[in-house]
mmCIF file of all heavy atoms, coordinates in Angstrom:
data_MODEL
# 
_entry.id   MODEL 
# 
loop_
_atom_site.group_PDB 
_atom_site.id 
_atom_site.type_symbol 
_atom_site.label_atom_id 
_atom_site.label_alt_id 
_atom_site.label_comp_id 
_atom_site.label_asym_id 
_atom_site.label_entity_id 
_atom_site.label_seq_id 
_atom_site.pdbx_PDB_ins_code 
_atom_site.Cartn_x 
_atom_site.Cartn_y 
_atom_site.Cartn_z 
_atom_site.occupancy 
_atom_site.B_iso_or_equiv 
_atom_site.pdbx_formal_charge 
_atom_site.auth_seq_id 
_atom_site.auth_comp_id 
_atom_site.auth_asym_id 
_atom_site.auth_atom_id 
_atom_site.pdbx_PDB_model_num 
ATOM 1   N N   . VAL A 1 1  ? 3.722   -6.249  -6.292  1.00 0.00 ? 1  VAL A N   1 
ATOM 2   C CA  . VAL A 1 1  ? 4.956   -6.894  -5.833  1.00 0.00 ? 1  VAL A CA  1 
ATOM 3   C C   . VAL A 1 1  ? 5.068   -8.320  -6.354  1.00 0.00 ? 1  VAL A C   1 
ATOM 4   O O   . VAL A 1 1  ? 6.097   -8.974  -6.138  1.00 0.00 ? 1  VAL A O   1 
ATOM 5   C CB  . VAL A 1 1  ? 5.031   -6.895  -4.289  1.00 0.00 ? 1  VAL A CB  1 
ATOM 6   C CG1 . VAL A 1 1  ? 4.922   -5.474  -3.747  1.00 0.00 ? 1  VAL A CG1 1 
ATOM 7   C CG2 . VAL A 1 1  ? 3.948   -7.780  -3.678  1.00 0.00 ? 1  VAL A CG2 1 
ATOM 8   N N   . LEU A 1 2  ? 4.050   -8.809  -7.038  1.00 0.00 ? 2  LEU A N   1 
ATOM 9   C CA  . LEU A 1 2  ? 4.066   -10.173 -7.548  1.00 0.00 ? 2  LEU A CA  1 
ATOM 10  C C   . LEU A 1 2  ? 4.838   -10.260 -8.859  1.00 0.00 ? 2  LEU A C   1 
ATOM 11  O O   . LEU A 1 2  ? 5.053   -9.260  -9.552  1.00 0.00 ? 2  LEU A O   1 
ATOM 12  C CB  . LEU A 1 2  ? 2.632   -10.661 -7.774  1.00 0.00 ? 2  LEU A CB  1 
ATOM 13  C CG  . LEU A 1 2  ? 1.704   -10.654 -6.556  1.00 0.00 ? 2  LEU A CG  1 
ATOM 14  C CD1 . LEU A 1 2  ? 0.297   -11.082 -6.973  1.00 0.00 ? 2  LEU A CD1 1 
ATOM 15  C CD2 . LEU A 1 2  ? 2.229   -11.552 -5.452  1.00 0.00 ? 2  LEU A CD2 1 
ATOM 16  N N   . LYS A 1 3  ? 5.242   -11.460 -9.199  1.00 0.00 ? 3  LYS A N   1 
ATOM 17  C CA  . LYS A 1 3  ? 5.896   -11.690 -10.474 1.00 0.00 ? 3  LYS A CA  1 
ATOM 18  C C   . LYS A 1 3  ? 4.894   -11.431 -11.605 1.00 0.00 ? 3  LYS A C   1 
ATOM 19  O O   . LYS A 1 3  ? 3.688   -11.607 -11.415 1.00 0.00 ? 3  LYS A O   1 
ATOM 20  C CB  . LYS A 1 3  ? 6.413   -13.130 -10.549 1.00 0.00 ? 3  LYS A CB  1 
ATOM 21  C CG  . LYS A 1 3  ? 7.499   -13.445 -9.521  1.00 0.00 ? 3  LYS A CG  1 
ATOM 22  C CD  . LYS A 1 3  ? 7.957   -14.889 -9.650  1.00 0.00 ? 3  LYS A CD  1 
ATOM 23  C CE  . LYS A 1 3  ? 9.038   -15.207 -8.637  1.00 0.00 ? 3  LYS A CE  1 
ATOM 24  N NZ  . LYS A 1 3  ? 9.500   -16.631 -8.729  1.00 0.00 ? 3  LYS A NZ  1 
ATOM 25  N N   . PRO A 1 4  ? 5.379   -11.030 -12.774 1.00 0.00 ? 4  PRO A N   1 
ATOM 26  C CA  . PRO A 1 4  ? 4.470   -10.691 -13.872 1.00 0.00 ? 4  PRO A CA  1 
ATOM 27  C C   . PRO A 1 4  ? 3.471   -11.798 -14.208 1.00 0.00 ? 4  PRO A C   1 
ATOM 28  O O   . PRO A 1 4  ? 2.284   -11.527 -14.430 1.00 0.00 ? 4  PRO A O   1 
ATOM 29  C CB  . PRO A 1 4  ? 5.420   -10.423 -15.043 1.00 0.00 ? 4  PRO A CB  1 
ATOM 30  C CG  . PRO A 1 4  ? 6.687   -9.971  -14.393 1.00 0.00 ? 4  PRO A CG  1 
ATOM 31  C CD  . PRO A 1 4  ? 6.786   -10.744 -13.113 1.00 0.00 ? 4  PRO A CD  1 
ATOM 32  N N   . THR A 1 5  ? 3.934   -13.050 -14.244 1.00 0.00 ? 5  THR A N   1 
ATOM 33  C CA  . THR A 1 5  ? 3.030   -14.149 -14.578 1.00 0.00 ? 5  THR A CA  1 
ATOM 34  C C   . THR A 1 5  ? 1.951   -14.315 -13.518 1.00 0.00 ? 5  THR A C   1 
ATOM 35  O O   . THR A 1 5  ? 0.762   -14.466 -13.826 1.00 0.00 ? 5  THR A O   1 
ATOM 36  C CB  . THR A 1 5  ? 3.813   -15.466 -14.719 1.00 0.00 ? 5  THR A CB  1 
ATOM 37  O OG1 . THR A 1 5  ? 4.834   -15.310 -15.709 1.00 0.00 ? 5  THR A OG1 1 
ATOM 38  C CG2 . THR A 1 5  ? 2.875   -16.601 -15.129 1.00 0.00 ? 5  THR A CG2 1 
ATOM 39  N N   . THR A 1 6  ? 2.368   -14.266 -12.254 1.00 0.00 ? 6  THR A N   1 
ATOM 40  C CA  . THR A 1 6  ? 1.407   -14.387 -11.157 1.00 0.00 ? 6  THR A CA  1 
ATOM 41  C C   . THR A 1 6  ? 0.444   -13.218 -11.150 1.00 0.00 ? 6  THR A C   1 
ATOM 42  O O   . THR A 1 6  ? -0.756  -13.376 -10.894 1.00 0.00 ? 6  THR A O   1 
ATOM 43  C CB  . THR A 1 6  ? 2.148   -14.456 -9.804  1.00 0.00 ? 6  THR A CB  1 
ATOM 44  O OG1 . THR A 1 6  ? 3.121   -15.508 -9.850  1.00 0.00 ? 6  THR A OG1 1 
ATOM 45  C CG2 . THR A 1 6  ? 1.176   -14.712 -8.668  1.00 0.00 ? 6  THR A CG2 1 
ATOM 46  N N   . ARG A 1 7  ? 0.960   -12.016 -11.457 1.00 0.00 ? 7  ARG A N   1 
ATOM 47  C CA  . ARG A 1 7  ? 0.121   -10.825 -11.479 1.00 0.00 ? 7  ARG A CA  1 
ATOM 48  C C   . ARG A 1 7  ? -0.964  -10.947 -12.554 1.00 0.00 ? 7  ARG A C   1 
ATOM 49  O O   . ARG A 1 7  ? -2.109  -10.547 -12.337 1.00 0.00 ? 7  ARG A O   1 
ATOM 50  C CB  . ARG A 1 7  ? 0.979   -9.594  -11.737 1.00 0.00 ? 7  ARG A CB  1 
ATOM 51  C CG  . ARG A 1 7  ? 0.247   -8.263  -11.530 1.00 0.00 ? 7  ARG A CG  1 
ATOM 52  C CD  . ARG A 1 7  ? 1.137   -7.102  -11.924 1.00 0.00 ? 7  ARG A CD  1 
ATOM 53  N NE  . ARG A 1 7  ? 2.443   -7.227  -11.324 1.00 0.00 ? 7  ARG A NE  1 
ATOM 54  C CZ  . ARG A 1 7  ? 3.587   -6.952  -11.939 1.00 0.00 ? 7  ARG A CZ  1 
ATOM 55  N NH1 . ARG A 1 7  ? 3.571   -6.544  -13.205 1.00 0.00 ? 7  ARG A NH1 1 
ATOM 56  N NH2 . ARG A 1 7  ? 4.740   -7.077  -11.312 1.00 0.00 ? 7  ARG A NH2 1 
ATOM 57  N N   . GLU A 1 8  ? -0.621  -11.525 -13.707 1.00 0.00 ? 8  GLU A N   1 
ATOM 58  C CA  . GLU A 1 8  ? -1.611  -11.696 -14.764 1.00 0.00 ? 8  GLU A CA  1 
ATOM 59  C C   . GLU A 1 8  ? -2.707  -12.667 -14.347 1.00 0.00 ? 8  GLU A C   1 
ATOM 60  O O   . GLU A 1 8  ? -3.884  -12.461 -14.660 1.00 0.00 ? 8  GLU A O   1 
ATOM 61  C CB  . GLU A 1 8  ? -0.917  -12.200 -16.031 1.00 0.00 ? 8  GLU A CB  1 
ATOM 62  C CG  . GLU A 1 8  ? 0.007   -11.164 -16.676 1.00 0.00 ? 8  GLU A CG  1 
ATOM 63  C CD  . GLU A 1 8  ? 0.708   -11.708 -17.900 1.00 0.00 ? 8  GLU A CD  1 
ATOM 64  O OE1 . GLU A 1 8  ? 0.431   -12.884 -18.269 1.00 0.00 ? 8  GLU A OE1 1 
ATOM 65  O OE2 . GLU A 1 8  ? 1.521   -10.983 -18.504 1.00 0.00 ? 8  GLU A OE2 1 
ATOM 66  N N   . ILE A 1 9  ? -2.330  -13.723 -13.630 1.00 0.00 ? 9  ILE A N   1 
ATOM 67  C CA  . ILE A 1 9  ? -3.321  -14.697 -13.170 1.00 0.00 ? 9  ILE A CA  1 
ATOM 68  C C   . ILE A 1 9  ? -4.263  -14.057 -12.153 1.00 0.00 ? 9  ILE A C   1 
ATOM 69  O O   . ILE A 1 9  ? -5.487  -14.222 -12.223 1.00 0.00 ? 9  ILE A O   1 
ATOM 70  C CB  . ILE A 1 9  ? -2.613  -15.929 -12.558 1.00 0.00 ? 9  ILE A CB  1 
ATOM 71  C CG1 . ILE A 1 9  ? -1.801  -16.648 -13.635 1.00 0.00 ? 9  ILE A CG1 1 
ATOM 72  C CG2 . ILE A 1 9  ? -3.641  -16.872 -11.929 1.00 0.00 ? 9  ILE A CG2 1 
ATOM 73  C CD1 . ILE A 1 9  ? -0.971  -17.800 -13.100 1.00 0.00 ? 9  ILE A CD1 1 
ATOM 74  N N   . ILE A 1 10 ? -3.695  -13.332 -11.202 1.00 0.00 ? 10 ILE A N   1 
ATOM 75  C CA  . ILE A 1 10 ? -4.502  -12.673 -10.178 1.00 0.00 ? 10 ILE A CA  1 
ATOM 76  C C   . ILE A 1 10 ? -5.426  -11.632 -10.802 1.00 0.00 ? 10 ILE A C   1 
ATOM 77  O O   . ILE A 1 10 ? -6.558  -11.430 -10.348 1.00 0.00 ? 10 ILE A O   1 
ATOM 78  C CB  . ILE A 1 10 ? -3.612  -12.014 -9.115  1.00 0.00 ? 10 ILE A CB  1 
ATOM 79  C CG1 . ILE A 1 10 ? -2.737  -13.072 -8.418  1.00 0.00 ? 10 ILE A CG1 1 
ATOM 80  C CG2 . ILE A 1 10 ? -4.439  -11.261 -8.087  1.00 0.00 ? 10 ILE A CG2 1 
ATOM 81  C CD1 . ILE A 1 10 ? -3.524  -14.102 -7.646  1.00 0.00 ? 10 ILE A CD1 1 
ATOM 82  N N   . SER A 1 11 ? -4.963  -10.991 -11.868 1.00 0.00 ? 11 SER A N   1 
ATOM 83  C CA  . SER A 1 11 ? -5.769  -9.952  -12.524 1.00 0.00 ? 11 SER A CA  1 
ATOM 84  C C   . SER A 1 11 ? -7.010  -10.527 -13.197 1.00 0.00 ? 11 SER A C   1 
ATOM 85  O O   . SER A 1 11 ? -7.973  -9.788  -13.452 1.00 0.00 ? 11 SER A O   1 
ATOM 86  C CB  . SER A 1 11 ? -4.925  -9.200  -13.552 1.00 0.00 ? 11 SER A CB  1 
ATOM 87  O OG  . SER A 1 11 ? -3.845  -8.530  -12.936 1.00 0.00 ? 11 SER A OG  1 
ATOM 88  N N   . LEU A 1 12 ? -6.995  -11.819 -13.501 1.00 0.00 ? 12 LEU A N   1 
ATOM 89  C CA  . LEU A 1 12 ? -8.162  -12.452 -14.119 1.00 0.00 ? 12 LEU A CA  1 
ATOM 90  C C   . LEU A 1 12 ? -9.308  -12.616 -13.128 1.00 0.00 ? 12 LEU A C   1 
ATOM 91  O O   . LEU A 1 12 ? -10.455 -12.813 -13.535 1.00 0.00 ? 12 LEU A O   1 
ATOM 92  C CB  . LEU A 1 12 ? -7.772  -13.826 -14.685 1.00 0.00 ? 12 LEU A CB  1 
ATOM 93  C CG  . LEU A 1 12 ? -6.759  -13.823 -15.833 1.00 0.00 ? 12 LEU A CG  1 
ATOM 94  C CD1 . LEU A 1 12 ? -6.407  -15.251 -16.227 1.00 0.00 ? 12 LEU A CD1 1 
ATOM 95  C CD2 . LEU A 1 12 ? -7.285  -13.045 -17.032 1.00 0.00 ? 12 LEU A CD2 1 
ATOM 96  N N   . ASN A 1 13 ? -9.009  -12.539 -11.851 1.00 0.00 ? 13 ASN A N   1 
ATOM 97  C CA  . ASN A 1 13 ? -10.035 -12.637 -10.819 1.00 0.00 ? 13 ASN A CA  1 
ATOM 98  C C   . ASN A 1 13 ? -10.866 -11.356 -10.823 1.00 0.00 ? 13 ASN A C   1 
ATOM 99  O O   . ASN A 1 13 ? -10.322 -10.264 -10.631 1.00 0.00 ? 13 ASN A O   1 
ATOM 100 C CB  . ASN A 1 13 ? -9.369  -12.843 -9.455  1.00 0.00 ? 13 ASN A CB  1 
ATOM 101 C CG  . ASN A 1 13 ? -10.369 -12.956 -8.322  1.00 0.00 ? 13 ASN A CG  1 
ATOM 102 O OD1 . ASN A 1 13 ? -11.583 -12.907 -8.516  1.00 0.00 ? 13 ASN A OD1 1 
ATOM 103 N ND2 . ASN A 1 13 ? -9.846  -13.100 -7.119  1.00 0.00 ? 13 ASN A ND2 1 
ATOM 104 N N   . PRO A 1 14 ? -12.172 -11.427 -11.041 1.00 0.00 ? 14 PRO A N   1 
ATOM 105 C CA  . PRO A 1 14 ? -12.979 -10.196 -11.072 1.00 0.00 ? 14 PRO A CA  1 
ATOM 106 C C   . PRO A 1 14 ? -12.928 -9.423  -9.765  1.00 0.00 ? 14 PRO A C   1 
ATOM 107 O O   . PRO A 1 14 ? -13.050 -8.191  -9.766  1.00 0.00 ? 14 PRO A O   1 
ATOM 108 C CB  . PRO A 1 14 ? -14.396 -10.698 -11.369 1.00 0.00 ? 14 PRO A CB  1 
ATOM 109 C CG  . PRO A 1 14 ? -14.385 -12.149 -10.997 1.00 0.00 ? 14 PRO A CG  1 
ATOM 110 C CD  . PRO A 1 14 ? -12.999 -12.621 -11.292 1.00 0.00 ? 14 PRO A CD  1 
ATOM 111 N N   . LEU A 1 15 ? -12.733 -10.113 -8.653  1.00 0.00 ? 15 LEU A N   1 
ATOM 112 C CA  . LEU A 1 15 ? -12.660 -9.425  -7.368  1.00 0.00 ? 15 LEU A CA  1 
ATOM 113 C C   . LEU A 1 15 ? -11.445 -8.522  -7.285  1.00 0.00 ? 15 LEU A C   1 
ATOM 114 O O   . LEU A 1 15 ? -11.432 -7.555  -6.520  1.00 0.00 ? 15 LEU A O   1 
ATOM 115 C CB  . LEU A 1 15 ? -12.630 -10.439 -6.221  1.00 0.00 ? 15 LEU A CB  1 
ATOM 116 C CG  . LEU A 1 15 ? -13.911 -11.256 -6.016  1.00 0.00 ? 15 LEU A CG  1 
ATOM 117 C CD1 . LEU A 1 15 ? -13.720 -12.252 -4.885  1.00 0.00 ? 15 LEU A CD1 1 
ATOM 118 C CD2 . LEU A 1 15 ? -15.096 -10.350 -5.727  1.00 0.00 ? 15 LEU A CD2 1 
ATOM 119 N N   . THR A 1 16 ? -10.415 -8.834  -8.057  1.00 0.00 ? 16 THR A N   1 
ATOM 120 C CA  . THR A 1 16 ? -9.221  -7.990  -8.076  1.00 0.00 ? 16 THR A CA  1 
ATOM 121 C C   . THR A 1 16 ? -9.561  -6.580  -8.520  1.00 0.00 ? 16 THR A C   1 
ATOM 122 O O   . THR A 1 16 ? -9.046  -5.595  -7.970  1.00 0.00 ? 16 THR A O   1 
ATOM 123 C CB  . THR A 1 16 ? -8.157  -8.594  -9.009  1.00 0.00 ? 16 THR A CB  1 
ATOM 124 O OG1 . THR A 1 16 ? -7.764  -9.881  -8.509  1.00 0.00 ? 16 THR A OG1 1 
ATOM 125 C CG2 . THR A 1 16 ? -6.920  -7.704  -9.092  1.00 0.00 ? 16 THR A CG2 1 
ATOM 126 N N   . GLN A 1 17 ? -10.425 -6.459  -9.515  1.00 0.00 ? 17 GLN A N   1 
ATOM 127 C CA  . GLN A 1 17 ? -10.798 -5.136  -10.018 1.00 0.00 ? 17 GLN A CA  1 
ATOM 128 C C   . GLN A 1 17 ? -11.549 -4.344  -8.959  1.00 0.00 ? 17 GLN A C   1 
ATOM 129 O O   . GLN A 1 17 ? -11.318 -3.138  -8.782  1.00 0.00 ? 17 GLN A O   1 
ATOM 130 C CB  . GLN A 1 17 ? -11.661 -5.283  -11.277 1.00 0.00 ? 17 GLN A CB  1 
ATOM 131 C CG  . GLN A 1 17 ? -11.096 -6.222  -12.315 1.00 0.00 ? 17 GLN A CG  1 
ATOM 132 C CD  . GLN A 1 17 ? -9.710  -5.816  -12.782 1.00 0.00 ? 17 GLN A CD  1 
ATOM 133 O OE1 . GLN A 1 17 ? -9.386  -4.628  -12.856 1.00 0.00 ? 17 GLN A OE1 1 
ATOM 134 N NE2 . GLN A 1 17 ? -8.872  -6.796  -13.093 1.00 0.00 ? 17 GLN A NE2 1 
ATOM 135 N N   . PHE A 1 18 ? -12.445 -5.015  -8.232  1.00 0.00 ? 18 PHE A N   1 
ATOM 136 C CA  . PHE A 1 18 ? -13.201 -4.321  -7.195  1.00 0.00 ? 18 PHE A CA  1 
ATOM 137 C C   . PHE A 1 18 ? -12.305 -3.932  -6.017  1.00 0.00 ? 18 PHE A C   1 
ATOM 138 O O   . PHE A 1 18 ? -12.470 -2.852  -5.443  1.00 0.00 ? 18 PHE A O   1 
ATOM 139 C CB  . PHE A 1 18 ? -14.367 -5.183  -6.723  1.00 0.00 ? 18 PHE A CB  1 
ATOM 140 C CG  . PHE A 1 18 ? -15.459 -5.322  -7.729  1.00 0.00 ? 18 PHE A CG  1 
ATOM 141 C CD1 . PHE A 1 18 ? -15.550 -6.452  -8.531  1.00 0.00 ? 18 PHE A CD1 1 
ATOM 142 C CD2 . PHE A 1 18 ? -16.397 -4.312  -7.899  1.00 0.00 ? 18 PHE A CD2 1 
ATOM 143 C CE1 . PHE A 1 18 ? -16.562 -6.579  -9.470  1.00 0.00 ? 18 PHE A CE1 1 
ATOM 144 C CE2 . PHE A 1 18 ? -17.409 -4.426  -8.840  1.00 0.00 ? 18 PHE A CE2 1 
ATOM 145 C CZ  . PHE A 1 18 ? -17.488 -5.560  -9.627  1.00 0.00 ? 18 PHE A CZ  1 
ATOM 146 N N   . MET A 1 19 ? -11.365 -4.803  -5.644  1.00 0.00 ? 19 MET A N   1 
ATOM 147 C CA  . MET A 1 19 ? -10.438 -4.452  -4.572  1.00 0.00 ? 19 MET A CA  1 
ATOM 148 C C   . MET A 1 19 ? -9.579  -3.255  -4.968  1.00 0.00 ? 19 MET A C   1 
ATOM 149 O O   . MET A 1 19 ? -9.239  -2.416  -4.127  1.00 0.00 ? 19 MET A O   1 
ATOM 150 C CB  . MET A 1 19 ? -9.545  -5.652  -4.228  1.00 0.00 ? 19 MET A CB  1 
ATOM 151 C CG  . MET A 1 19 ? -10.294 -6.789  -3.564  1.00 0.00 ? 19 MET A CG  1 
ATOM 152 S SD  . MET A 1 19 ? -11.121 -6.294  -2.031  1.00 0.00 ? 19 MET A SD  1 
ATOM 153 C CE  . MET A 1 19 ? -12.278 -7.656  -1.825  1.00 0.00 ? 19 MET A CE  1 
ATOM 154 N N   . ASP A 1 20 ? -9.240  -3.173  -6.251  1.00 0.00 ? 20 ASP A N   1 
ATOM 155 C CA  . ASP A 1 20 ? -8.492  -2.008  -6.729  1.00 0.00 ? 20 ASP A CA  1 
ATOM 156 C C   . ASP A 1 20 ? -9.305  -0.728  -6.544  1.00 0.00 ? 20 ASP A C   1 
ATOM 157 O O   . ASP A 1 20 ? -8.761  0.320   -6.172  1.00 0.00 ? 20 ASP A O   1 
ATOM 158 C CB  . ASP A 1 20 ? -8.117  -2.180  -8.203  1.00 0.00 ? 20 ASP A CB  1 
ATOM 159 C CG  . ASP A 1 20 ? -6.994  -3.188  -8.406  1.00 0.00 ? 20 ASP A CG  1 
ATOM 160 O OD1 . ASP A 1 20 ? -6.257  -3.439  -7.443  1.00 0.00 ? 20 ASP A OD1 1 
ATOM 161 O OD2 . ASP A 1 20 ? -6.869  -3.730  -9.521  1.00 0.00 ? 20 ASP A OD2 1 
ATOM 162 N N   . LEU A 1 21 ? -10.619 -0.812  -6.806  1.00 0.00 ? 21 LEU A N   1 
ATOM 163 C CA  . LEU A 1 21 ? -11.483 0.357   -6.616  1.00 0.00 ? 21 LEU A CA  1 
ATOM 164 C C   . LEU A 1 21 ? -11.507 0.775   -5.150  1.00 0.00 ? 21 LEU A C   1 
ATOM 165 O O   . LEU A 1 21 ? -11.340 1.960   -4.817  1.00 0.00 ? 21 LEU A O   1 
ATOM 166 C CB  . LEU A 1 21 ? -12.907 0.052   -7.088  1.00 0.00 ? 21 LEU A CB  1 
ATOM 167 C CG  . LEU A 1 21 ? -13.126 -0.378  -8.539  1.00 0.00 ? 21 LEU A CG  1 
ATOM 168 C CD1 . LEU A 1 21 ? -14.619 -0.455  -8.830  1.00 0.00 ? 21 LEU A CD1 1 
ATOM 169 C CD2 . LEU A 1 21 ? -12.459 0.569   -9.507  1.00 0.00 ? 21 LEU A CD2 1 
ATOM 170 N N   . PHE A 1 22 ? -11.718 -0.189  -4.254  1.00 0.00 ? 22 PHE A N   1 
ATOM 171 C CA  . PHE A 1 22 ? -11.841 0.122   -2.831  1.00 0.00 ? 22 PHE A CA  1 
ATOM 172 C C   . PHE A 1 22 ? -10.515 0.595   -2.236  1.00 0.00 ? 22 PHE A C   1 
ATOM 173 O O   . PHE A 1 22 ? -10.490 1.532   -1.440  1.00 0.00 ? 22 PHE A O   1 
ATOM 174 C CB  . PHE A 1 22 ? -12.355 -1.100  -2.073  1.00 0.00 ? 22 PHE A CB  1 
ATOM 175 C CG  . PHE A 1 22 ? -13.725 -1.541  -2.498  1.00 0.00 ? 22 PHE A CG  1 
ATOM 176 C CD1 . PHE A 1 22 ? -14.020 -2.879  -2.729  1.00 0.00 ? 22 PHE A CD1 1 
ATOM 177 C CD2 . PHE A 1 22 ? -14.740 -0.614  -2.703  1.00 0.00 ? 22 PHE A CD2 1 
ATOM 178 C CE1 . PHE A 1 22 ? -15.278 -3.287  -3.122  1.00 0.00 ? 22 PHE A CE1 1 
ATOM 179 C CE2 . PHE A 1 22 ? -16.013 -1.003  -3.100  1.00 0.00 ? 22 PHE A CE2 1 
ATOM 180 C CZ  . PHE A 1 22 ? -16.266 -2.346  -3.312  1.00 0.00 ? 22 PHE A CZ  1 
ATOM 181 N N   . HIS A 1 23 ? -9.424  -0.037  -2.636  1.00 0.00 ? 23 HIS A N   1 
ATOM 182 C CA  . HIS A 1 23 ? -8.118  0.375   -2.110  1.00 0.00 ? 23 HIS A CA  1 
ATOM 183 C C   . HIS A 1 23 ? -7.714  1.753   -2.629  1.00 0.00 ? 23 HIS A C   1 
ATOM 184 O O   . HIS A 1 23 ? -7.092  2.540   -1.911  1.00 0.00 ? 23 HIS A O   1 
ATOM 185 C CB  . HIS A 1 23 ? -7.047  -0.658  -2.472  1.00 0.00 ? 23 HIS A CB  1 
ATOM 186 C CG  . HIS A 1 23 ? -7.066  -1.867  -1.595  1.00 0.00 ? 23 HIS A CG  1 
ATOM 187 N ND1 . HIS A 1 23 ? -6.895  -3.156  -2.068  1.00 0.00 ? 23 HIS A ND1 1 
ATOM 188 C CD2 . HIS A 1 23 ? -7.242  -1.992  -0.247  1.00 0.00 ? 23 HIS A CD2 1 
ATOM 189 C CE1 . HIS A 1 23 ? -6.963  -4.010  -1.060  1.00 0.00 ? 23 HIS A CE1 1 
ATOM 190 N NE2 . HIS A 1 23 ? -7.175  -3.335  0.047   1.00 0.00 ? 23 HIS A NE2 1 
ATOM 191 N N   . ALA A 1 24 ? -8.078  2.043   -3.877  1.00 0.00 ? 24 ALA A N   1 
ATOM 192 C CA  . ALA A 1 24 ? -7.754  3.361   -4.423  1.00 0.00 ? 24 ALA A CA  1 
ATOM 193 C C   . ALA A 1 24 ? -8.499  4.450   -3.664  1.00 0.00 ? 24 ALA A C   1 
ATOM 194 O O   . ALA A 1 24 ? -7.916  5.466   -3.268  1.00 0.00 ? 24 ALA A O   1 
ATOM 195 C CB  . ALA A 1 24 ? -8.088  3.415   -5.913  1.00 0.00 ? 24 ALA A CB  1 
ATOM 196 N N   . LEU A 1 25 ? -9.795  4.245   -3.436  1.00 0.00 ? 25 LEU A N   1 
ATOM 197 C CA  . LEU A 1 25 ? -10.619 5.269   -2.794  1.00 0.00 ? 25 LEU A CA  1 
ATOM 198 C C   . LEU A 1 25 ? -10.351 5.376   -1.298  1.00 0.00 ? 25 LEU A C   1 
ATOM 199 O O   . LEU A 1 25 ? -10.218 6.487   -0.760  1.00 0.00 ? 25 LEU A O   1 
ATOM 200 C CB  . LEU A 1 25 ? -12.105 4.964   -3.027  1.00 0.00 ? 25 LEU A CB  1 
ATOM 201 C CG  . LEU A 1 25 ? -12.617 5.099   -4.467  1.00 0.00 ? 25 LEU A CG  1 
ATOM 202 C CD1 . LEU A 1 25 ? -14.036 4.578   -4.581  1.00 0.00 ? 25 LEU A CD1 1 
ATOM 203 C CD2 . LEU A 1 25 ? -12.550 6.552   -4.919  1.00 0.00 ? 25 LEU A CD2 1 
ATOM 204 N N   . LEU A 1 26 ? -10.268 4.241   -0.616  1.00 0.00 ? 26 LEU A N   1 
ATOM 205 C CA  . LEU A 1 26 ? -10.214 4.237   0.838   1.00 0.00 ? 26 LEU A CA  1 
ATOM 206 C C   . LEU A 1 26 ? -8.803  4.184   1.409   1.00 0.00 ? 26 LEU A C   1 
ATOM 207 O O   . LEU A 1 26 ? -8.571  4.631   2.534   1.00 0.00 ? 26 LEU A O   1 
ATOM 208 C CB  . LEU A 1 26 ? -11.008 3.044   1.394   1.00 0.00 ? 26 LEU A CB  1 
ATOM 209 C CG  . LEU A 1 26 ? -12.494 3.002   1.009   1.00 0.00 ? 26 LEU A CG  1 
ATOM 210 C CD1 . LEU A 1 26 ? -13.142 1.724   1.551   1.00 0.00 ? 26 LEU A CD1 1 
ATOM 211 C CD2 . LEU A 1 26 ? -13.224 4.228   1.523   1.00 0.00 ? 26 LEU A CD2 1 
ATOM 212 N N   . TYR A 1 27 ? -7.868  3.650   0.633   1.00 0.00 ? 27 TYR A N   1 
ATOM 213 C CA  . TYR A 1 27 ? -6.502  3.497   1.158   1.00 0.00 ? 27 TYR A CA  1 
ATOM 214 C C   . TYR A 1 27 ? -5.531  4.509   0.542   1.00 0.00 ? 27 TYR A C   1 
ATOM 215 O O   . TYR A 1 27 ? -4.869  5.265   1.249   1.00 0.00 ? 27 TYR A O   1 
ATOM 216 C CB  . TYR A 1 27 ? -6.001  2.078   0.897   1.00 0.00 ? 27 TYR A CB  1 
ATOM 217 C CG  . TYR A 1 27 ? -4.559  1.854   1.289   1.00 0.00 ? 27 TYR A CG  1 
ATOM 218 C CD1 . TYR A 1 27 ? -4.201  1.717   2.628   1.00 0.00 ? 27 TYR A CD1 1 
ATOM 219 C CD2 . TYR A 1 27 ? -3.551  1.789   0.324   1.00 0.00 ? 27 TYR A CD2 1 
ATOM 220 C CE1 . TYR A 1 27 ? -2.877  1.523   2.990   1.00 0.00 ? 27 TYR A CE1 1 
ATOM 221 C CE2 . TYR A 1 27 ? -2.231  1.593   0.670   1.00 0.00 ? 27 TYR A CE2 1 
ATOM 222 C CZ  . TYR A 1 27 ? -1.895  1.460   2.011   1.00 0.00 ? 27 TYR A CZ  1 
ATOM 223 O OH  . TYR A 1 27 ? -0.576  1.287   2.366   1.00 0.00 ? 27 TYR A OH  1 
# 
């Protein structure tokens, strides 16, 4: 739901990748 520029910045955070794993599996 974030703007493309903000989404790219957030994606640089390594924790974002792990949260994607946990949310995909558990949510």
